[in-house]
C-alpha atoms as a PDB file:
ATOM      1  CA  MET A   1     222.696 249.065 103.409  1.00  0.00           C
ATOM      2  CA  LYS A   2     221.751 249.570 107.032  1.00  0.00           C
ATOM      3  CA  GLY A   3     220.415 252.911 108.214  1.00  0.00           C
ATOM      4  CA  THR A   4     221.824 254.812 111.137  1.00  0.00           C
ATOM      5  CA  ILE A   5     219.597 255.946 113.945  1.00  0.00           C
ATOM      6  CA  LYS A   6     220.744 259.023 115.806  1.00  0.00           C
ATOM      7  CA  VAL A   7     219.572 259.185 119.412  1.00  0.00           C
ATOM      8  CA  PHE A   8     219.277 262.600 120.988  1.00  0.00           C
ATOM      9  CA  TYR A   9     219.921 262.670 124.707  1.00  0.00           C
ATOM     10  CA  SER A  10     217.872 265.285 126.505  1.00  0.00           C
ATOM     11  CA  SER A  11     217.980 266.414 130.094  1.00  0.00           C
ATOM     12  CA  VAL A  12     216.409 269.124 132.176  1.00  0.00           C
ATOM     13  CA  LYS A  13     218.198 270.533 135.211  1.00  0.00           C
ATOM     14  CA  ILE A  14     216.305 272.675 137.675  1.00  0.00           C
ATOM     15  CA  PHE A  15     218.550 274.538 140.097  1.00  0.00           C
ATOM     16  CA  TYR A  16     216.965 275.975 143.233  1.00  0.00           C
ATOM     17  CA  SER A  17     217.957 276.969 146.747  1.00  0.00           C
ATOM     18  CA  SER A  18     216.452 275.595 149.916  1.00  0.00           C
ATOM     19  CA  THR A  19     214.470 278.838 150.322  1.00  0.00           C
ATOM     20  CA  THR A  20     212.898 278.590 146.839  1.00  0.00           C
ATOM     21  CA  GLU A  21     212.314 274.818 146.801  1.00  0.00           C
ATOM     22  CA  PRO A  22     208.633 274.789 147.870  1.00  0.00           C
ATOM     23  CA  THR A  23     207.734 277.478 145.333  1.00  0.00           C
ATOM     24  CA  ILE A  24     209.677 275.853 142.495  1.00  0.00           C
ATOM     25  CA  LEU A  25     208.317 272.367 143.079  1.00  0.00           C
ATOM     26  CA  LYS A  26     204.765 273.690 143.261  1.00  0.00           C
ATOM     27  CA  LEU A  27     205.089 275.976 140.219  1.00  0.00           C
ATOM     28  CA  TYR A  28     206.763 273.320 138.072  1.00  0.00           C
ATOM     29  CA  ALA A  29     204.785 270.305 139.395  1.00  0.00           C
ATOM     30  CA  ASP A  30     202.943 269.577 136.130  1.00  0.00           C
ATOM     31  CA  GLY A  31     206.180 269.714 134.142  1.00  0.00           C
ATOM     32  CA  ILE A  32     208.051 267.568 136.660  1.00  0.00           C
ATOM     33  CA  ASP A  33     205.274 264.956 136.551  1.00  0.00           C
ATOM     34  CA  TYR A  34     205.327 265.074 132.741  1.00  0.00           C
ATOM     35  CA  LEU A  35     209.108 264.493 132.647  1.00  0.00           C
ATOM     36  CA  LYS A  36     208.849 261.488 134.960  1.00  0.00           C
ATOM     37  CA  ASN A  37     206.853 259.734 132.221  1.00  0.00           C
ATOM     38  CA  THR A  38     209.393 260.400 129.454  1.00  0.00           C
ATOM     39  CA  ASN A  39     212.942 259.319 128.657  1.00  0.00           C
ATOM     40  CA  ILE A  40     214.163 262.853 129.391  1.00  0.00           C
ATOM     41  CA  LYS A  41     216.470 262.923 132.396  1.00  0.00           C
ATOM     42  CA  LEU A  42     215.322 265.282 135.161  1.00  0.00           C
ATOM     43  CA  GLU A  43     217.691 266.641 137.782  1.00  0.00           C
ATOM     44  CA  LEU A  44     216.465 268.740 140.700  1.00  0.00           C
ATOM     45  CA  ILE A  45     219.539 270.374 142.184  1.00  0.00           C
ATOM     46  CA  ASP A  46     219.649 272.286 145.466  1.00  0.00           C
ATOM     47  CA  VAL A  47     222.564 274.693 145.049  1.00  0.00           C
ATOM     48  CA  THR A  48     223.006 275.001 148.810  1.00  0.00           C
ATOM     49  CA  LYS A  49     223.860 271.285 148.920  1.00  0.00           C
ATOM     50  CA  ASN A  50     225.506 270.971 145.471  1.00  0.00           C
ATOM     51  CA  LEU A  51     227.511 274.146 144.991  1.00  0.00           C
ATOM     52  CA  GLU A  52     230.138 272.458 142.794  1.00  0.00           C
ATOM     53  CA  ILE A  53     227.509 271.248 140.308  1.00  0.00           C
ATOM     54  CA  ALA A  54     226.027 274.745 140.167  1.00  0.00           C
ATOM     55  CA  LYS A  55     229.458 276.274 139.540  1.00  0.00           C
ATOM     56  CA  LYS A  56     230.225 273.713 136.834  1.00  0.00           C
ATOM     57  CA  ASP A  57     226.998 274.627 135.026  1.00  0.00           C
ATOM     58  CA  GLY A  58     227.526 278.366 135.515  1.00  0.00           C
ATOM     59  CA  VAL A  59     224.534 278.838 137.795  1.00  0.00           C
ATOM     60  CA  PHE A  60     224.735 281.970 139.931  1.00  0.00           C
ATOM     61  CA  LEU A  61     221.046 282.742 140.497  1.00  0.00           C
ATOM     62  CA  THR A  62     218.102 280.547 141.411  1.00  0.00           C
ATOM     63  CA  PRO A  63     215.891 279.299 140.127  1.00  0.00           C
ATOM     64  CA  THR A  64     217.692 278.390 136.911  1.00  0.00           C
ATOM     65  CA  LEU A  65     216.424 275.922 134.346  1.00  0.00           C
ATOM     66  CA  ILE A  66     218.881 274.367 131.875  1.00  0.00           C
ATOM     67  CA  ILE A  67     217.682 272.230 129.001  1.00  0.00           C
ATOM     68  CA  GLN A  68     220.404 270.118 127.400  1.00  0.00           C
ATOM     69  CA  MET A  69     220.470 268.157 124.165  1.00  0.00           C
ATOM     70  CA  GLU A  70     223.249 265.579 123.750  1.00  0.00           C
ATOM     71  CA  GLY A  71     224.814 266.890 126.955  1.00  0.00           C
ATOM     72  CA  LYS A  72     225.271 270.458 125.670  1.00  0.00           C
ATOM     73  CA  PRO A  73     223.234 273.365 127.088  1.00  0.00           C
ATOM     74  CA  GLU A  74     220.645 274.477 124.551  1.00  0.00           C
ATOM     75  CA  GLN A  75     218.364 276.721 126.576  1.00  0.00           C
ATOM     76  CA  ARG A  76     218.753 278.502 129.891  1.00  0.00           C
ATOM     77  CA  TYR A  77     216.030 280.259 131.858  1.00  0.00           C
ATOM     78  CA  ILE A  78     216.796 282.309 134.961  1.00  0.00           C
ATOM     79  CA  GLY A  79     214.050 283.254 137.414  1.00  0.00           C
ATOM     80  CA  LEU A  80     210.548 281.896 137.756  1.00  0.00           C
ATOM     81  CA  ILE A  81     209.033 281.059 134.397  1.00  0.00           C
ATOM     82  CA  GLY A  82     205.449 280.443 133.475  1.00  0.00           C
ATOM     83  CA  GLY A  83     204.661 277.821 130.895  1.00  0.00           C
ATOM     84  CA  PHE A  84     207.279 275.327 132.081  1.00  0.00           C
ATOM     85  CA  LEU A  85     205.162 272.396 130.925  1.00  0.00           C
ATOM     86  CA  ASN A  86     204.776 273.919 127.451  1.00  0.00           C
ATOM     87  CA  ILE A  87     208.531 274.476 127.191  1.00  0.00           C
ATOM     88  CA  ILE A  88     209.463 270.898 128.012  1.00  0.00           C
ATOM     89  CA  LYS A  89     206.777 269.429 125.782  1.00  0.00           C
ATOM     90  CA  THR A  90     208.790 270.771 122.824  1.00  0.00           C
ATOM     91  CA  LEU A  91     211.754 268.500 123.659  1.00  0.00           C
END
């Protein structure tokens, strides 16, 4: 009997506006670098250039962080958050 392996697909979306981009990228730099060395998909989305994506994900304020498992939103953080690296290390 062969076993089944279930693969969990994880992604992190960080929504920002062009005015908050420098702050977000600096504040979340350690976490962004960490994600680049994992199989977790990272999307940095500027809502001023990608309004339709923001609307689809229900993003009305920036910055917003959405963590998804198997394509479904699991956690949502609105506003600047400390401990970003610690949050994503739990994925």
